[in-house]
Amino acid sequence: QQKAIGYESVFVEGAKASMDYMKGLFDDWQAQGITSVLHEKPGGYSNNTRAMYGLAGKAEGEG
């Protein structure tokens, strides 16, 4: 579905593969029992500066 809209992502299936993938991203990864990972590359709050400034403005407006 994500490939169809040109959105770069990685889907990992299986407990060992998922753990290996996450440890490759974060060497101190500790979560147990994961069986799949959907790593969405672009987007999200971390890359959306305008959204973050908007949220900050709302928070500041509340005091």
Protein backbone atom coordinates (compact mmCIF):
# COMPACT_ATOMS: atom_id res chain seq x y z
CA GLN A 1 0.00 0.00 0.00
CA GLN A 2 2.77 2.43 0.91
CA LYS A 3 4.82 1.57 -2.18
CA ALA A 4 1.78 2.30 -4.35
CA ILE A 5 1.76 5.94 -3.21
CA GLY A 6 5.54 6.36 -3.44
CA TYR A 7 6.06 6.40 0.34
CA GLU A 8 9.36 4.81 1.29
CA SER A 9 9.07 2.26 4.07
CA VAL A 10 10.54 -1.03 5.23
CA PHE A 11 8.40 -3.90 6.53
CA VAL A 12 10.18 -6.60 8.52
CA GLU A 13 8.46 -9.86 9.53
CA GLY A 14 9.56 -12.41 12.10
CA ALA A 15 10.81 -12.11 15.66
CA LYS A 16 14.54 -12.54 14.92
CA ALA A 17 14.51 -10.35 11.81
CA SER A 18 12.57 -7.65 13.68
CA MET A 19 14.96 -7.70 16.65
CA ASP A 20 18.00 -7.61 14.34
CA TYR A 21 16.54 -4.68 12.38
CA MET A 22 15.77 -2.66 15.51
CA LYS A 23 19.19 -3.38 17.03
CA GLY A 24 20.68 -2.14 13.77
CA LEU A 25 18.89 1.17 14.31
CA PHE A 26 19.32 1.38 18.09
CA ASP A 27 22.14 -0.70 19.55
CA ASP A 28 20.53 -0.52 23.00
CA TRP A 29 17.09 -1.76 21.79
CA GLN A 30 15.50 -3.84 24.56
CA ALA A 31 11.82 -4.44 23.69
CA GLN A 32 10.95 -8.13 23.70
CA GLY A 33 8.31 -10.04 21.78
CA ILE A 34 8.15 -7.91 18.63
CA THR A 35 7.27 -9.91 15.53
CA SER A 36 7.12 -7.18 12.88
CA VAL A 37 8.39 -3.68 12.20
CA LEU A 38 7.00 -1.03 9.86
CA HIS A 39 9.71 1.61 9.48
CA GLU A 40 8.25 4.63 7.71
CA LYS A 41 11.19 6.62 6.40
CA PRO A 42 9.94 10.16 5.62
CA GLY A 43 7.32 12.17 7.44
CA GLY A 44 5.90 12.11 10.90
CA TYR A 45 6.13 14.76 13.57
CA SER A 46 9.93 14.71 13.64
CA ASN A 47 10.12 16.03 10.07
CA ASN A 48 7.10 18.30 10.12
CA THR A 49 8.40 21.64 11.37
CA ARG A 50 5.21 23.57 10.70
CA ALA A 51 3.14 21.12 12.73
CA MET A 52 5.58 21.32 15.63
CA TYR A 53 5.50 25.12 15.64
CA GLY A 54 1.71 24.98 15.53
CA LEU A 55 1.60 22.62 18.51
CA ALA A 56 4.09 24.78 20.39
CA GLY A 57 1.94 27.86 19.76
CA LYS A 58 -1.14 26.07 21.10
CA ALA A 59 0.74 24.90 24.19
CA GLU A 60 2.09 28.40 24.83
CA GLY A 61 -1.41 29.81 24.36
CA GLU A 62 -2.62 27.54 27.17
CA GLY A 63 0.08 28.90 29.48
